[in-house]
Amino acid sequence: MPHHKRAQLLEAATAFCTSFAEKKPLDEILDHFSASPDILAYEHRLSQLAPFLGREFRGRAGVQMYFEKVSSCLDYEDMRFADYVVDAMESRVAVRGTARFTWVATGESWDEVFAYALVFDEGCRVLRYEIWADSGAAYLASQGRLREVRGE
């Protein structure tokens, strides 16, 4: 596989992740997605734990709804990304992120390590965005119980 495709995928993934870290407007984040009607955002875990977990958000309207649901529940700071792994043959990138998240309604916060798996189209636009994160901390924070569980 040509080196330039790997470089293009890494550049696209880095730009996508940087848009989050810098808290860019939603329209700017959505610009990183493919024009395909088959785009997908999916955050793994039980759907009962948070309104953005465990369900597929498809198409541009669905992906926008995913980000709106997340931002209505969570705020974050100090988001950083590292350890990008590029599979140029499959047009995939995996990346590890860290941030301090706060459940908006309760004000409870936690430090988290999370992972993204990104699949890109031929134009290096995101087709599939999957997230693995600490749903337990998010759930406890949503219930106002995270501090109690941590013994604070």
N, C-alpha and C. Protein backbone atom coordinates (compact mmCIF):
# COMPACT_ATOMS: atom_id res chain seq x y z
N MET A 1 0.86 -1.18 0.00
CA MET A 1 0.00 0.00 0.00
C MET A 1 0.89 1.23 0.00
N PRO A 2 0.59 2.17 -0.86
CA PRO A 2 1.42 3.38 -0.94
C PRO A 2 1.45 4.14 0.39
N HIS A 3 2.62 4.66 0.67
CA HIS A 3 2.83 5.43 1.90
C HIS A 3 1.91 6.65 1.96
N HIS A 4 1.60 7.23 0.79
CA HIS A 4 0.79 8.46 0.80
C HIS A 4 -0.62 8.21 1.33
N LYS A 5 -1.19 7.01 1.11
CA LYS A 5 -2.53 6.74 1.65
C LYS A 5 -2.49 6.68 3.17
N ARG A 6 -1.45 6.05 3.72
CA ARG A 6 -1.31 5.99 5.16
C ARG A 6 -1.21 7.41 5.72
N ALA A 7 -0.41 8.25 5.09
CA ALA A 7 -0.24 9.64 5.53
C ALA A 7 -1.56 10.40 5.45
N GLN A 8 -2.33 10.18 4.38
CA GLN A 8 -3.62 10.87 4.22
C GLN A 8 -4.60 10.44 5.32
N LEU A 9 -4.64 9.15 5.61
CA LEU A 9 -5.53 8.66 6.66
C LEU A 9 -5.13 9.20 8.03
N LEU A 10 -3.84 9.22 8.30
CA LEU A 10 -3.37 9.76 9.57
C LEU A 10 -3.72 11.24 9.69
N GLU A 11 -3.53 11.98 8.61
CA GLU A 11 -3.87 13.40 8.60
C GLU A 11 -5.37 13.60 8.83
N ALA A 12 -6.21 12.80 8.17
CA ALA A 12 -7.66 12.93 8.32
C ALA A 12 -8.10 12.58 9.74
N ALA A 13 -7.54 11.51 10.30
CA ALA A 13 -7.89 11.12 11.66
C ALA A 13 -7.44 12.17 12.67
N THR A 14 -6.25 12.68 12.48
CA THR A 14 -5.73 13.71 13.39
C THR A 14 -6.59 14.97 13.33
N ALA A 15 -6.99 15.37 12.13
CA ALA A 15 -7.85 16.56 11.98
C ALA A 15 -9.20 16.35 12.66
N PHE A 16 -9.77 15.16 12.48
CA PHE A 16 -11.05 14.82 13.10
C PHE A 16 -10.93 14.89 14.62
N CYS A 17 -9.92 14.25 15.18
CA CYS A 17 -9.73 14.24 16.63
C CYS A 17 -9.42 15.63 17.17
N THR A 18 -8.63 16.38 16.45
CA THR A 18 -8.30 17.75 16.88
C THR A 18 -9.55 18.62 16.94
N SER A 19 -10.50 18.39 16.04
CA SER A 19 -11.74 19.18 16.08
C SER A 19 -12.48 18.97 17.39
N PHE A 20 -12.40 17.75 17.96
CA PHE A 20 -13.00 17.51 19.28
C PHE A 20 -12.19 18.18 20.37
N ALA A 21 -10.90 17.93 20.35
CA ALA A 21 -10.04 18.47 21.40
C ALA A 21 -10.16 19.98 21.51
N GLU A 22 -10.35 20.63 20.38
CA GLU A 22 -10.48 22.09 20.35
C GLU A 22 -11.91 22.57 20.47
N LYS A 23 -12.85 21.65 20.69
CA LYS A 23 -14.27 21.96 20.86
C LYS A 23 -14.81 22.82 19.71
N LYS A 24 -14.51 22.38 18.50
CA LYS A 24 -15.00 23.09 17.31
C LYS A 24 -16.52 22.99 17.23
N PRO A 25 -17.17 23.90 16.50
CA PRO A 25 -18.62 23.83 16.32
C PRO A 25 -19.03 22.51 15.66
N LEU A 26 -20.25 22.07 15.96
CA LEU A 26 -20.74 20.79 15.44
C LEU A 26 -20.65 20.70 13.92
N ASP A 27 -20.99 21.77 13.21
CA ASP A 27 -20.91 21.74 11.75
C ASP A 27 -19.50 21.44 11.26
N GLU A 28 -18.51 21.96 11.95
CA GLU A 28 -17.13 21.71 11.57
C GLU A 28 -16.75 20.25 11.83
N ILE A 29 -17.23 19.69 12.93
CA ILE A 29 -16.98 18.27 13.21
C ILE A 29 -17.67 17.41 12.16
N LEU A 30 -18.90 17.74 11.83
CA LEU A 30 -19.64 16.96 10.82
C LEU A 30 -19.00 17.04 9.45
N ASP A 31 -18.27 18.10 9.16
CA ASP A 31 -17.58 18.23 7.87
C ASP A 31 -16.53 17.15 7.66
N HIS A 32 -16.10 16.50 8.73
CA HIS A 32 -15.12 15.42 8.61
C HIS A 32 -15.77 14.11 8.14
N PHE A 33 -17.10 14.06 8.13
CA PHE A 33 -17.82 12.85 7.75
C PHE A 33 -18.08 12.79 6.25
N SER A 34 -18.18 11.58 5.76
CA SER A 34 -18.48 11.31 4.35
C SER A 34 -19.87 11.85 4.00
N ALA A 35 -20.08 12.09 2.71
CA ALA A 35 -21.40 12.47 2.22
C ALA A 35 -22.30 11.25 2.06
N SER A 36 -21.76 10.07 2.25
CA SER A 36 -22.52 8.83 2.11
C SER A 36 -23.69 8.80 3.10
N PRO A 37 -24.85 8.32 2.68
CA PRO A 37 -25.97 8.19 3.61
C PRO A 37 -25.75 7.08 4.63
N ASP A 38 -24.69 6.30 4.46
CA ASP A 38 -24.42 5.16 5.34
C ASP A 38 -23.47 5.49 6.49
N ILE A 39 -23.18 6.75 6.75
CA ILE A 39 -22.27 7.06 7.85
C ILE A 39 -22.90 6.61 9.17
N LEU A 40 -22.04 6.34 10.14
CA LEU A 40 -22.50 5.77 11.39
C LEU A 40 -21.67 6.27 12.55
N ALA A 41 -22.35 6.58 13.65
CA ALA A 41 -21.71 6.83 14.95
C ALA A 41 -22.29 5.81 15.91
N TYR A 42 -21.41 5.13 16.64
CA TYR A 42 -21.88 4.11 17.57
C TYR A 42 -20.94 4.05 18.76
N GLU A 43 -21.48 4.32 19.94
CA GLU A 43 -20.70 4.24 21.17
C GLU A 43 -21.12 2.96 21.90
N HIS A 44 -20.18 2.07 22.05
CA HIS A 44 -20.45 0.76 22.63
C HIS A 44 -20.79 0.85 24.10
N ARG A 45 -21.71 0.05 24.55
CA ARG A 45 -22.13 -0.19 25.93
C ARG A 45 -23.65 -0.32 25.96
N LEU A 46 -24.20 -0.55 27.15
CA LEU A 46 -25.64 -0.72 27.32
C LEU A 46 -26.38 0.59 27.08
N SER A 47 -27.42 0.53 26.30
CA SER A 47 -28.18 1.74 25.98
C SER A 47 -28.88 2.31 27.21
N GLN A 48 -29.10 1.52 28.23
CA GLN A 48 -29.79 1.99 29.43
C GLN A 48 -28.90 2.91 30.28
N LEU A 49 -27.60 2.93 30.02
CA LEU A 49 -26.69 3.72 30.85
C LEU A 49 -26.62 5.19 30.49
N ALA A 50 -26.88 5.52 29.23
CA ALA A 50 -26.86 6.93 28.78
C ALA A 50 -27.57 7.00 27.44
N PRO A 51 -28.15 8.14 27.09
CA PRO A 51 -28.95 8.24 25.87
C PRO A 51 -28.15 8.16 24.56
N PHE A 52 -26.83 8.21 24.64
CA PHE A 52 -26.01 8.14 23.44
C PHE A 52 -25.29 6.80 23.31
N LEU A 53 -25.53 5.89 24.22
CA LEU A 53 -24.83 4.60 24.23
C LEU A 53 -25.67 3.49 23.58
N GLY A 54 -24.98 2.54 22.97
CA GLY A 54 -25.59 1.29 22.56
C GLY A 54 -26.63 1.35 21.47
N ARG A 55 -26.63 2.39 20.68
CA ARG A 55 -27.55 2.45 19.54
C ARG A 55 -26.85 3.09 18.36
N GLU A 56 -27.25 2.67 17.19
CA GLU A 56 -26.64 3.19 15.97
C GLU A 56 -27.28 4.52 15.58
N PHE A 57 -26.43 5.49 15.31
CA PHE A 57 -26.87 6.79 14.79
C PHE A 57 -26.40 6.83 13.34
N ARG A 58 -27.34 6.72 12.40
CA ARG A 58 -27.01 6.58 10.98
C ARG A 58 -27.38 7.82 10.18
N GLY A 59 -26.61 8.06 9.13
CA GLY A 59 -26.85 9.20 8.26
C GLY A 59 -26.42 10.48 8.94
N ARG A 60 -26.37 11.54 8.16
CA ARG A 60 -25.91 12.82 8.71
C ARG A 60 -26.78 13.29 9.87
N ALA A 61 -28.11 13.16 9.72
CA ALA A 61 -29.01 13.58 10.80
C ALA A 61 -28.80 12.73 12.05
N GLY A 62 -28.56 11.44 11.87
CA GLY A 62 -28.33 10.57 13.01
C GLY A 62 -27.03 10.88 13.72
N VAL A 63 -25.97 11.10 12.95
CA VAL A 63 -24.67 11.43 13.54
C VAL A 63 -24.77 12.77 14.27
N GLN A 64 -25.46 13.72 13.67
CA GLN A 64 -25.66 15.01 14.35
C GLN A 64 -26.42 14.80 15.66
N MET A 65 -27.44 13.95 15.65
CA MET A 65 -28.21 13.67 16.86
C MET A 65 -27.30 13.04 17.93
N TYR A 66 -26.41 12.14 17.53
CA TYR A 66 -25.47 11.54 18.48
C TYR A 66 -24.67 12.65 19.19
N PHE A 67 -24.06 13.53 18.41
CA PHE A 67 -23.23 14.58 19.02
C PHE A 67 -24.06 15.53 19.88
N GLU A 68 -25.28 15.81 19.49
CA GLU A 68 -26.15 16.67 20.29
C GLU A 68 -26.49 16.01 21.62
N LYS A 69 -26.78 14.71 21.59
CA LYS A 69 -27.08 13.98 22.83
C LYS A 69 -25.86 13.96 23.75
N VAL A 70 -24.70 13.68 23.19
CA VAL A 70 -23.48 13.66 24.00
C VAL A 70 -23.25 15.03 24.63
N SER A 71 -23.33 16.09 23.83
CA SER A 71 -23.02 17.43 24.36
C SER A 71 -24.08 17.92 25.36
N SER A 72 -25.29 17.37 25.29
CA SER A 72 -26.30 17.77 26.28
C SER A 72 -26.04 17.11 27.63
N CYS A 73 -25.27 16.02 27.63
CA CYS A 73 -24.97 15.30 28.87
C CYS A 73 -23.57 15.56 29.41
N LEU A 74 -22.60 15.69 28.51
CA LEU A 74 -21.20 15.73 28.91
C LEU A 74 -20.50 17.01 28.49
N ASP A 75 -19.57 17.41 29.32
CA ASP A 75 -18.60 18.43 28.95
C ASP A 75 -17.24 17.79 29.17
N TYR A 76 -16.20 18.37 28.61
CA TYR A 76 -14.87 17.80 28.77
C TYR A 76 -13.82 18.88 28.68
N GLU A 77 -12.62 18.52 29.18
CA GLU A 77 -11.47 19.42 29.10
C GLU A 77 -10.22 18.58 28.98
N ASP A 78 -9.16 19.22 28.55
CA ASP A 78 -7.84 18.58 28.40
C ASP A 78 -7.90 17.31 27.55
N MET A 79 -8.67 17.33 26.47
CA MET A 79 -8.74 16.16 25.59
C MET A 79 -7.47 16.08 24.75
N ARG A 80 -6.91 14.88 24.72
CA ARG A 80 -5.69 14.63 23.94
C ARG A 80 -5.79 13.28 23.27
N PHE A 81 -5.10 13.14 22.15
CA PHE A 81 -5.10 11.89 21.40
C PHE A 81 -3.67 11.45 21.14
N ALA A 82 -3.45 10.14 21.15
CA ALA A 82 -2.12 9.59 20.91
C ALA A 82 -2.27 8.15 20.42
N ASP A 83 -1.16 7.58 20.03
CA ASP A 83 -1.10 6.17 19.64
C ASP A 83 -2.01 5.84 18.46
N TYR A 84 -1.94 6.66 17.43
CA TYR A 84 -2.71 6.39 16.21
C TYR A 84 -2.16 5.13 15.54
N VAL A 85 -3.05 4.23 15.14
CA VAL A 85 -2.68 3.03 14.41
C VAL A 85 -3.45 3.07 13.09
N VAL A 86 -2.72 3.08 11.98
CA VAL A 86 -3.33 3.22 10.66
C VAL A 86 -3.25 1.90 9.90
N ASP A 87 -4.39 1.46 9.38
CA ASP A 87 -4.46 0.30 8.48
C ASP A 87 -4.87 0.84 7.11
N ALA A 88 -3.89 1.13 6.28
CA ALA A 88 -4.15 1.74 4.97
C ALA A 88 -4.90 0.78 4.05
N MET A 89 -4.68 -0.52 4.19
CA MET A 89 -5.36 -1.49 3.34
C MET A 89 -6.88 -1.45 3.55
N GLU A 90 -7.30 -1.25 4.79
CA GLU A 90 -8.72 -1.25 5.13
C GLU A 90 -9.28 0.16 5.36
N SER A 91 -8.46 1.18 5.18
CA SER A 91 -8.86 2.58 5.42
C SER A 91 -9.42 2.78 6.82
N ARG A 92 -8.68 2.27 7.79
CA ARG A 92 -9.09 2.35 9.19
C ARG A 92 -7.99 3.00 10.03
N VAL A 93 -8.44 3.69 11.08
CA VAL A 93 -7.51 4.27 12.05
C VAL A 93 -8.09 4.03 13.44
N ALA A 94 -7.24 3.56 14.34
CA ALA A 94 -7.61 3.44 15.75
C ALA A 94 -6.77 4.46 16.52
N VAL A 95 -7.36 5.02 17.56
CA VAL A 95 -6.64 6.03 18.34
C VAL A 95 -7.12 6.00 19.79
N ARG A 96 -6.19 6.29 20.68
CA ARG A 96 -6.49 6.38 22.10
C ARG A 96 -6.59 7.84 22.49
N GLY A 97 -7.60 8.16 23.30
CA GLY A 97 -7.77 9.52 23.78
C GLY A 97 -7.86 9.57 25.29
N THR A 98 -7.58 10.73 25.85
CA THR A 98 -7.75 10.97 27.27
C THR A 98 -8.43 12.32 27.44
N ALA A 99 -9.20 12.45 28.50
CA ALA A 99 -9.85 13.73 28.81
C ALA A 99 -10.43 13.67 30.21
N ARG A 100 -10.79 14.81 30.71
CA ARG A 100 -11.56 14.89 31.95
C ARG A 100 -12.99 15.22 31.54
N PHE A 101 -13.91 14.32 31.88
CA PHE A 101 -15.32 14.49 31.52
C PHE A 101 -16.12 14.92 32.74
N THR A 102 -17.18 15.68 32.49
CA THR A 102 -18.11 16.11 33.53
C THR A 102 -19.53 15.84 33.05
N TRP A 103 -20.31 15.18 33.90
CA TRP A 103 -21.74 15.01 33.60
C TRP A 103 -22.39 16.33 33.95
N VAL A 104 -22.95 17.01 32.97
CA VAL A 104 -23.42 18.39 33.12
C VAL A 104 -24.45 18.54 34.24
N ALA A 105 -25.44 17.67 34.29
CA ALA A 105 -26.54 17.83 35.24
C ALA A 105 -26.11 17.69 36.70
N THR A 106 -25.10 16.87 36.96
CA THR A 106 -24.68 16.64 38.35
C THR A 106 -23.37 17.33 38.70
N GLY A 107 -22.60 17.72 37.70
CA GLY A 107 -21.30 18.34 37.94
C GLY A 107 -20.22 17.36 38.36
N GLU A 108 -20.50 16.06 38.33
CA GLU A 108 -19.50 15.07 38.72
C GLU A 108 -18.55 14.80 37.55
N SER A 109 -17.23 14.71 37.88
CA SER A 109 -16.20 14.60 36.85
C SER A 109 -15.33 13.37 37.08
N TRP A 110 -14.69 12.91 36.00
CA TRP A 110 -13.76 11.79 36.07
C TRP A 110 -12.77 11.89 34.92
N ASP A 111 -11.59 11.35 35.16
CA ASP A 111 -10.56 11.26 34.13
C ASP A 111 -10.76 9.93 33.41
N GLU A 112 -10.60 9.97 32.11
CA GLU A 112 -10.94 8.79 31.32
C GLU A 112 -9.95 8.57 30.18
N VAL A 113 -9.75 7.30 29.87
CA VAL A 113 -9.06 6.88 28.66
C VAL A 113 -10.12 6.23 27.79
N PHE A 114 -10.17 6.60 26.52
CA PHE A 114 -11.18 6.06 25.61
C PHE A 114 -10.51 5.74 24.28
N ALA A 115 -11.25 5.05 23.42
CA ALA A 115 -10.70 4.66 22.12
C ALA A 115 -11.71 4.93 21.02
N TYR A 116 -11.18 5.37 19.89
CA TYR A 116 -11.97 5.55 18.67
C TYR A 116 -11.48 4.55 17.63
N ALA A 117 -12.42 4.02 16.87
CA ALA A 117 -12.11 3.26 15.66
C ALA A 117 -12.80 4.00 14.52
N LEU A 118 -12.04 4.42 13.54
CA LEU A 118 -12.55 5.22 12.43
C LEU A 118 -12.36 4.45 11.13
N VAL A 119 -13.40 4.43 10.31
CA VAL A 119 -13.31 3.87 8.96
C VAL A 119 -13.55 5.02 8.01
N PHE A 120 -12.73 5.13 6.98
CA PHE A 120 -12.78 6.25 6.04
C PHE A 120 -13.21 5.81 4.65
N ASP A 121 -13.81 6.75 3.92
CA ASP A 121 -14.15 6.51 2.51
C ASP A 121 -12.93 6.82 1.65
N GLU A 122 -13.10 6.74 0.33
CA GLU A 122 -11.98 6.96 -0.60
C GLU A 122 -11.42 8.37 -0.50
N GLY A 123 -12.23 9.32 -0.07
CA GLY A 123 -11.80 10.71 0.06
C GLY A 123 -11.28 11.06 1.45
N CYS A 124 -11.04 10.04 2.26
CA CYS A 124 -10.55 10.21 3.64
C CYS A 124 -11.54 10.99 4.52
N ARG A 125 -12.81 10.70 4.31
CA ARG A 125 -13.87 11.23 5.17
C ARG A 125 -14.40 10.08 6.01
N VAL A 126 -14.82 10.36 7.23
CA VAL A 126 -15.26 9.32 8.16
C VAL A 126 -16.58 8.70 7.69
N LEU A 127 -16.56 7.37 7.56
CA LEU A 127 -17.77 6.59 7.25
C LEU A 127 -18.35 5.99 8.52
N ARG A 128 -17.47 5.53 9.40
CA ARG A 128 -17.88 4.84 10.61
C ARG A 128 -17.04 5.35 11.77
N TYR A 129 -17.72 5.74 12.85
CA TYR A 129 -17.09 6.30 14.04
C TYR A 129 -17.58 5.48 15.23
N GLU A 130 -16.69 4.69 15.80
CA GLU A 130 -17.04 3.87 16.96
C GLU A 130 -16.22 4.32 18.15
N ILE A 131 -16.86 4.27 19.32
CA ILE A 131 -16.24 4.76 20.54
C ILE A 131 -16.37 3.70 21.63
N TRP A 132 -15.28 3.51 22.38
CA TRP A 132 -15.30 2.69 23.59
C TRP A 132 -14.83 3.60 24.71
N ALA A 133 -15.67 3.73 25.76
CA ALA A 133 -15.34 4.65 26.85
C ALA A 133 -15.82 4.05 28.17
N ASP A 134 -15.61 4.78 29.25
CA ASP A 134 -15.95 4.31 30.60
C ASP A 134 -17.42 4.62 30.89
N SER A 135 -18.28 3.73 30.46
CA SER A 135 -19.71 3.95 30.65
C SER A 135 -20.11 3.83 32.12
N GLY A 136 -19.35 3.08 32.91
CA GLY A 136 -19.65 2.97 34.33
C GLY A 136 -19.50 4.31 35.04
N ALA A 137 -18.40 5.00 34.78
CA ALA A 137 -18.19 6.31 35.39
C ALA A 137 -19.25 7.29 34.90
N ALA A 138 -19.56 7.24 33.62
CA ALA A 138 -20.60 8.14 33.09
C ALA A 138 -21.94 7.88 33.76
N TYR A 139 -22.30 6.63 33.90
CA TYR A 139 -23.58 6.29 34.53
C TYR A 139 -23.61 6.77 35.98
N LEU A 140 -22.57 6.43 36.73
CA LEU A 140 -22.54 6.86 38.14
C LEU A 140 -22.58 8.38 38.26
N ALA A 141 -21.86 9.08 37.39
CA ALA A 141 -21.89 10.54 37.41
C ALA A 141 -23.29 11.06 37.07
N SER A 142 -23.96 10.41 36.14
CA SER A 142 -25.31 10.84 35.76
C SER A 142 -26.29 10.69 36.91
N GLN A 143 -26.01 9.74 37.79
CA GLN A 143 -26.87 9.49 38.96
C GLN A 143 -26.42 10.27 40.19
N GLY A 144 -25.31 11.03 40.06
CA GLY A 144 -24.78 11.77 41.19
C GLY A 144 -24.14 10.87 42.24
N ARG A 145 -23.64 9.70 41.81
CA ARG A 145 -23.10 8.72 42.76
C ARG A 145 -21.60 8.45 42.57
N LEU A 146 -20.96 9.09 41.62
CA LEU A 146 -19.55 8.80 41.34
C LEU A 146 -18.66 9.17 42.53
N ARG A 147 -18.88 10.33 43.13
CA ARG A 147 -18.06 10.74 44.28
C ARG A 147 -18.24 9.74 45.43
N GLU A 148 -19.47 9.33 45.67
CA GLU A 148 -19.77 8.38 46.74
C GLU A 148 -19.04 7.05 46.51
N VAL A 149 -19.09 6.54 45.30
CA VAL A 149 -18.44 5.27 44.99
C VAL A 149 -16.93 5.38 45.15
N ARG A 150 -16.38 6.55 44.81
CA ARG A 150 -14.94 6.77 44.95
C ARG A 150 -14.54 7.08 46.39
N GLY A 151 -15.52 7.24 47.26
CA GLY A 151 -15.23 7.52 48.67
C GLY A 151 -14.87 8.95 48.95
N GLU A 152 -15.35 9.86 48.13
CA GLU A 152 -15.03 11.29 48.31
C GLU A 152 -16.09 11.99 49.15
